Amino acid sequence: MPERTYQKLKDKGNAERWKYAVELGKHGKAAIDLLVSSLSDEDKWVRYLVIDALGNIRDPQVLNPLVAALGDLDQDVRFIAAEALGRVGDPKAIEALEKTCTSDNCYVRIAAEEAIDRLKQG
């Protein structure tokens, strides 16, 4: 079933295909690989919602893709990546989040700082 949702997400002819990122996230761990493959989408809102979905799944296997998303060119995507890492709860993300605390965007910095606090509290 997640494959059908994934195909709708990849349909560039659908102006609201980003909605399928949210739907795909509802499939949980079964959708992780499909979501991760969408992190390179050219639409920032698709990337944003994919990252949010990965953060909601809270599985340690999403750690590396979310850390990589901290380097996205878009500040909104970096913001949600930092926030999602805090939700995943893996303290291995702290080092990458500390580097993100030097971001030129105050919202990205705040999200990274809050995620670090969350991870340190356990």
C-alpha atoms as a PDB file:
ATOM      1  CA  MET A   1       0.000   0.000   0.000  1.00  0.00           C
ATOM      2  CA  PRO A   2       2.750   2.567   0.716  1.00  0.00           C
ATOM      3  CA  GLU A   3       4.045   2.061  -2.846  1.00  0.00           C
ATOM      4  CA  ARG A   4       0.800   3.434  -4.314  1.00  0.00           C
ATOM      5  CA  THR A   5       1.021   6.514  -2.090  1.00  0.00           C
ATOM      6  CA  TYR A   6       4.686   6.901  -3.058  1.00  0.00           C
ATOM      7  CA  GLN A   7       3.778   6.898  -6.765  1.00  0.00           C
ATOM      8  CA  LYS A   8       1.285   9.718  -6.132  1.00  0.00           C
ATOM      9  CA  LEU A   9       3.978  11.646  -4.268  1.00  0.00           C
ATOM     10  CA  LYS A  10       6.309  11.321  -7.257  1.00  0.00           C
ATOM     11  CA  ASP A  11       3.668  12.474  -9.776  1.00  0.00           C
ATOM     12  CA  LYS A  12       5.073  15.859 -10.832  1.00  0.00           C
ATOM     13  CA  GLY A  13       1.789  16.659 -12.572  1.00  0.00           C
ATOM     14  CA  ASN A  14      -0.015  16.907  -9.247  1.00  0.00           C
ATOM     15  CA  ALA A  15       0.381  20.382  -7.729  1.00  0.00           C
ATOM     16  CA  GLU A  16      -0.597  19.075  -4.308  1.00  0.00           C
ATOM     17  CA  ARG A  17       1.588  15.963  -4.302  1.00  0.00           C
ATOM     18  CA  TRP A  18       3.206  17.104  -1.061  1.00  0.00           C
ATOM     19  CA  LYS A  19       0.054  15.871   0.691  1.00  0.00           C
ATOM     20  CA  TYR A  20       1.157  12.336  -0.081  1.00  0.00           C
ATOM     21  CA  ALA A  21       4.279  12.800   2.022  1.00  0.00           C
ATOM     22  CA  VAL A  22       2.000  13.127   5.040  1.00  0.00           C
ATOM     23  CA  GLU A  23      -0.040  10.125   3.923  1.00  0.00           C
ATOM     24  CA  LEU A  24       3.090   8.051   3.349  1.00  0.00           C
ATOM     25  CA  GLY A  25       4.264   8.843   6.864  1.00  0.00           C
ATOM     26  CA  LYS A  26       1.132   7.190   8.249  1.00  0.00           C
ATOM     27  CA  HIS A  27       2.521   3.846   7.069  1.00  0.00           C
ATOM     28  CA  GLY A  28       5.253   4.097   9.716  1.00  0.00           C
ATOM     29  CA  LYS A  29       8.376   1.972   9.489  1.00  0.00           C
ATOM     30  CA  ALA A  30       7.132   0.292   6.301  1.00  0.00           C
ATOM     31  CA  ALA A  31       7.507   3.632   4.492  1.00  0.00           C
ATOM     32  CA  ILE A  32      10.957   4.679   5.740  1.00  0.00           C
ATOM     33  CA  ASP A  33      12.850   3.710   2.567  1.00  0.00           C
ATOM     34  CA  LEU A  34      10.261   5.395   0.343  1.00  0.00           C
ATOM     35  CA  LEU A  35      10.350   8.551   2.438  1.00  0.00           C
ATOM     36  CA  VAL A  36      14.156   8.658   2.485  1.00  0.00           C
ATOM     37  CA  SER A  37      14.227   8.336  -1.303  1.00  0.00           C
ATOM     38  CA  SER A  38      12.066  11.484  -1.465  1.00  0.00           C
ATOM     39  CA  LEU A  39      14.544  13.636   0.475  1.00  0.00           C
ATOM     40  CA  SER A  40      16.146  14.732  -2.778  1.00  0.00           C
ATOM     41  CA  ASP A  41      12.884  16.033  -4.257  1.00  0.00           C
ATOM     42  CA  GLU A  42      13.176  19.481  -5.834  1.00  0.00           C
ATOM     43  CA  ASP A  43      10.035  20.698  -4.014  1.00  0.00           C
ATOM     44  CA  LYS A  44      11.048  22.026  -0.605  1.00  0.00           C
ATOM     45  CA  TRP A  45       7.604  21.328   0.850  1.00  0.00           C
ATOM     46  CA  VAL A  46       7.847  17.683  -0.154  1.00  0.00           C
ATOM     47  CA  ARG A  47      11.247  17.494   1.581  1.00  0.00           C
ATOM     48  CA  TYR A  48       9.872  19.373   4.597  1.00  0.00           C
ATOM     49  CA  LEU A  49       6.904  17.039   5.042  1.00  0.00           C
ATOM     50  CA  VAL A  50       8.976  13.925   4.364  1.00  0.00           C
ATOM     51  CA  ILE A  51      11.378  14.968   7.128  1.00  0.00           C
ATOM     52  CA  ASP A  52       8.479  15.681   9.462  1.00  0.00           C
ATOM     53  CA  ALA A  53       7.059  12.206   8.731  1.00  0.00           C
ATOM     54  CA  LEU A  54      10.447  10.590   9.397  1.00  0.00           C
ATOM     55  CA  GLY A  55      10.655  12.417  12.712  1.00  0.00           C
ATOM     56  CA  ASN A  56       7.211  11.140  13.634  1.00  0.00           C
ATOM     57  CA  ILE A  57       8.230   7.547  12.908  1.00  0.00           C
ATOM     58  CA  ARG A  58      10.980   7.902  15.542  1.00  0.00           C
ATOM     59  CA  ASP A  59      13.077   4.994  14.339  1.00  0.00           C
ATOM     60  CA  PRO A  60      16.878   5.096  14.773  1.00  0.00           C
ATOM     61  CA  GLN A  61      17.381   4.186  11.110  1.00  0.00           C
ATOM     62  CA  VAL A  62      16.204   7.677  10.096  1.00  0.00           C
ATOM     63  CA  LEU A  63      19.053   9.347  12.008  1.00  0.00           C
ATOM     64  CA  ASN A  64      21.562   9.602   9.140  1.00  0.00           C
ATOM     65  CA  PRO A  65      19.064  10.884   6.544  1.00  0.00           C
ATOM     66  CA  LEU A  66      17.846  13.535   8.995  1.00  0.00           C
ATOM     67  CA  VAL A  67      21.396  14.587   9.871  1.00  0.00           C
ATOM     68  CA  ALA A  68      22.096  14.934   6.141  1.00  0.00           C
ATOM     69  CA  ALA A  69      18.969  17.117   5.827  1.00  0.00           C
ATOM     70  CA  LEU A  70      20.558  19.609   8.236  1.00  0.00           C
ATOM     71  CA  GLY A  71      22.663  20.611   5.229  1.00  0.00           C
ATOM     72  CA  ASP A  72      19.719  21.333   2.927  1.00  0.00           C
ATOM     73  CA  LEU A  73      19.905  24.643   1.070  1.00  0.00           C
ATOM     74  CA  ASP A  74      16.480  25.690   2.347  1.00  0.00           C
ATOM     75  CA  GLN A  75      16.198  27.104   5.869  1.00  0.00           C
ATOM     76  CA  ASP A  76      12.700  25.687   6.418  1.00  0.00           C
ATOM     77  CA  VAL A  77      13.956  22.206   5.606  1.00  0.00           C
ATOM     78  CA  ARG A  78      16.938  22.627   7.952  1.00  0.00           C
ATOM     79  CA  PHE A  79      14.551  23.822  10.667  1.00  0.00           C
ATOM     80  CA  ILE A  80      12.293  20.766  10.442  1.00  0.00           C
ATOM     81  CA  ALA A  81      15.321  18.448  10.243  1.00  0.00           C
ATOM     82  CA  ALA A  82      16.630  19.800  13.549  1.00  0.00           C
ATOM     83  CA  GLU A  83      13.207  19.567  15.129  1.00  0.00           C
ATOM     84  CA  ALA A  84      12.685  16.004  13.820  1.00  0.00           C
ATOM     85  CA  LEU A  85      16.029  14.873  15.211  1.00  0.00           C
ATOM     86  CA  GLY A  86      14.856  15.961  18.638  1.00  0.00           C
ATOM     87  CA  ARG A  87      11.759  13.787  18.238  1.00  0.00           C
ATOM     88  CA  VAL A  88      13.720  10.734  17.099  1.00  0.00           C
ATOM     89  CA  GLY A  89      15.504  10.840  20.431  1.00  0.00           C
ATOM     90  CA  ASP A  90      18.908   9.437  19.456  1.00  0.00           C
ATOM     91  CA  PRO A  91      21.742  11.244  21.291  1.00  0.00           C
ATOM     92  CA  LYS A  92      24.042  10.440  18.356  1.00  0.00           C
ATOM     93  CA  ALA A  93      22.464  13.482  16.665  1.00  0.00           C
ATOM     94  CA  ILE A  94      23.833  15.930  19.241  1.00  0.00           C
ATOM     95  CA  GLU A  95      27.150  16.554  17.468  1.00  0.00           C
ATOM     96  CA  ALA A  96      25.450  17.403  14.159  1.00  0.00           C
ATOM     97  CA  LEU A  97      22.908  19.571  15.950  1.00  0.00           C
ATOM     98  CA  GLU A  98      25.688  21.452  17.755  1.00  0.00           C
ATOM     99  CA  LYS A  99      27.187  22.338  14.370  1.00  0.00           C
ATOM    100  CA  THR A 100      23.751  23.535  13.278  1.00  0.00           C
ATOM    101  CA  CYS A 101      23.664  25.918  16.239  1.00  0.00           C
ATOM    102  CA  THR A 102      25.989  28.160  14.213  1.00  0.00           C
ATOM    103  CA  SER A 103      23.382  28.600  11.460  1.00  0.00           C
ATOM    104  CA  ASP A 104      22.801  32.119  10.187  1.00  0.00           C
ATOM    105  CA  ASN A 105      19.045  31.533  10.571  1.00  0.00           C
ATOM    106  CA  CYS A 106      17.767  32.131  14.099  1.00  0.00           C
ATOM    107  CA  TYR A 107      14.870  29.679  13.737  1.00  0.00           C
ATOM    108  CA  VAL A 108      17.200  26.882  12.645  1.00  0.00           C
ATOM    109  CA  ARG A 109      19.507  27.670  15.577  1.00  0.00           C
ATOM    110  CA  ILE A 110      16.626  27.637  18.050  1.00  0.00           C
ATOM    111  CA  ALA A 111      15.289  24.334  16.680  1.00  0.00           C
ATOM    112  CA  ALA A 112      18.761  22.791  16.979  1.00  0.00           C
ATOM    113  CA  GLU A 113      19.207  24.086  20.532  1.00  0.00           C
ATOM    114  CA  GLU A 114      15.799  22.788  21.574  1.00  0.00           C
ATOM    115  CA  ALA A 115      16.505  19.398  19.986  1.00  0.00           C
ATOM    116  CA  ILE A 116      19.807  19.162  21.872  1.00  0.00           C
ATOM    117  CA  ASP A 117      18.041  19.974  25.149  1.00  0.00           C
ATOM    118  CA  ARG A 118      15.433  17.319  24.419  1.00  0.00           C
ATOM    119  CA  LEU A 119      18.093  14.719  23.602  1.00  0.00           C
ATOM    120  CA  LYS A 120      20.108  15.484  26.723  1.00  0.00           C
ATOM    121  CA  GLN A 121      17.028  15.126  28.917  1.00  0.00           C
ATOM    122  CA  GLY A 122      16.471  11.683  27.440  1.00  0.00           C
END
